[in-house]
Structure formats: structure tokens, C-alpha cells
Amino acid sequence: VTMSMDIAIDKDVPVPSKKRGKKYPYENMDIGDSFVVSNLGIQVVCNLNYRAKKKLNRSFIARTEEGGVRVWRTS
């Protein structure tokens, strides 16, 4: 069985830049500082905290509260 498709080929369409998502202020935080993430679940925020910990050698915790997930720098 042979299928024929009519697909248009576009020329000179630029590749979109890689979007890294929102930048959270992990690097600018002192111990005890916090911020709220309102559009992500607790597990996603915990994953972001883990990556920030590995990159910056600092510790963060997250707790769900009304309005989102709050992140604190703990060390």
C-alpha cells in the first residue's frame, strides 16, 4: 500500500529560540528568604529546588500554601 501525502515545504522559517521557562531567584536568595510559585505543583517545585541545590550548593525547601508553593532558602 502506497500513501501519498500533500505536505507543503516551507523555506526560510527561523528555528525558535530555546525557552528555558521562568527564572526563579535562587541565586539571589539569602538564608531565610522565600518566594512563591503560583503556577506549578509541589513536586515540580521540589525538582527545581533539587537542581538549584546541585548547581549552587545551597539548600531549599518548599511548602504548599494558599496561592501556590513557597520556597525558602535554608542554607
Protein backbone atom coordinates (compact mmCIF):
# COMPACT_ATOMS: atom_id res chain seq x y z
CA VAL A 1 0.00 0.00 0.00
CA THR A 2 1.45 3.33 -1.05
CA MET A 3 0.28 6.53 0.61
CA SER A 4 0.66 9.89 -1.00
CA MET A 5 0.75 12.97 1.20
CA ASP A 6 0.44 16.55 0.17
CA ILE A 7 2.73 18.32 2.62
CA ALA A 8 3.91 21.82 1.90
CA ILE A 9 7.60 22.58 2.32
CA ASP A 10 8.33 25.99 3.85
CA LYS A 11 11.59 27.83 3.26
CA ASP A 12 13.40 30.34 5.47
CA VAL A 13 11.37 29.74 8.62
CA PRO A 14 13.65 30.54 11.60
CA VAL A 15 14.06 27.98 14.37
CA PRO A 16 12.54 29.36 17.59
CA SER A 17 14.96 30.01 20.41
CA LYS A 18 15.07 27.54 23.25
CA LYS A 19 12.80 28.68 26.04
CA ARG A 20 14.12 27.89 29.49
CA GLY A 21 10.94 28.86 31.30
CA LYS A 22 10.76 31.27 34.18
CA LYS A 23 13.90 32.14 36.03
CA TYR A 24 13.47 31.86 39.78
CA PRO A 25 15.67 33.91 42.15
CA TYR A 26 17.62 31.02 43.72
CA GLU A 27 21.00 32.69 43.12
CA ASN A 28 19.94 35.96 44.78
CA MET A 29 18.50 34.45 47.95
CA ASP A 30 19.98 34.72 51.43
CA ILE A 31 19.22 32.17 54.15
CA GLY A 32 15.63 32.74 55.32
CA ASP A 33 14.49 34.43 52.08
CA SER A 34 11.47 32.97 50.27
CA PHE A 35 9.36 33.36 47.14
CA VAL A 36 6.01 31.97 45.94
CA VAL A 37 5.45 29.97 42.75
CA SER A 38 1.77 30.16 41.82
CA ASN A 39 1.59 28.13 38.62
CA LEU A 40 3.42 24.87 39.46
CA GLY A 41 2.72 21.90 41.71
CA ILE A 42 4.77 20.97 44.75
CA GLN A 43 6.61 18.11 43.01
CA VAL A 44 7.76 20.31 40.13
CA VAL A 45 8.98 22.96 42.57
CA CYS A 46 10.83 20.31 44.61
CA ASN A 47 12.56 19.20 41.40
CA LEU A 48 13.57 22.83 40.70
CA ASN A 49 14.88 23.08 44.28
CA TYR A 50 16.94 19.92 43.80
CA ARG A 51 18.54 21.26 40.62
CA ALA A 52 19.27 24.61 42.29
CA LYS A 53 20.85 22.78 45.24
CA LYS A 54 23.17 20.84 42.93
CA LYS A 55 24.12 23.94 40.93
CA LEU A 56 24.56 26.39 43.82
CA ASN A 57 25.44 24.09 46.74
CA ARG A 58 22.61 25.64 48.78
CA SER A 59 19.53 24.05 50.35
CA PHE A 60 15.90 24.94 49.70
CA ILE A 61 12.57 23.65 51.00
CA ALA A 62 9.07 24.05 49.58
CA ARG A 63 5.68 24.00 51.24
CA THR A 64 2.21 24.33 49.76
CA GLU A 65 0.27 27.34 50.95
CA GLU A 66 -2.76 29.26 49.81
CA GLY A 67 -1.89 30.83 46.48
CA GLY A 68 0.87 28.42 45.47
CA VAL A 69 4.08 26.85 46.68
CA ARG A 70 6.52 28.82 48.84
CA VAL A 71 10.26 28.16 48.57
CA TRP A 72 12.71 29.05 51.37
CA ARG A 73 16.49 29.02 51.30
CA THR A 74 17.64 27.06 54.34
CA SER A 75 21.43 27.01 53.94
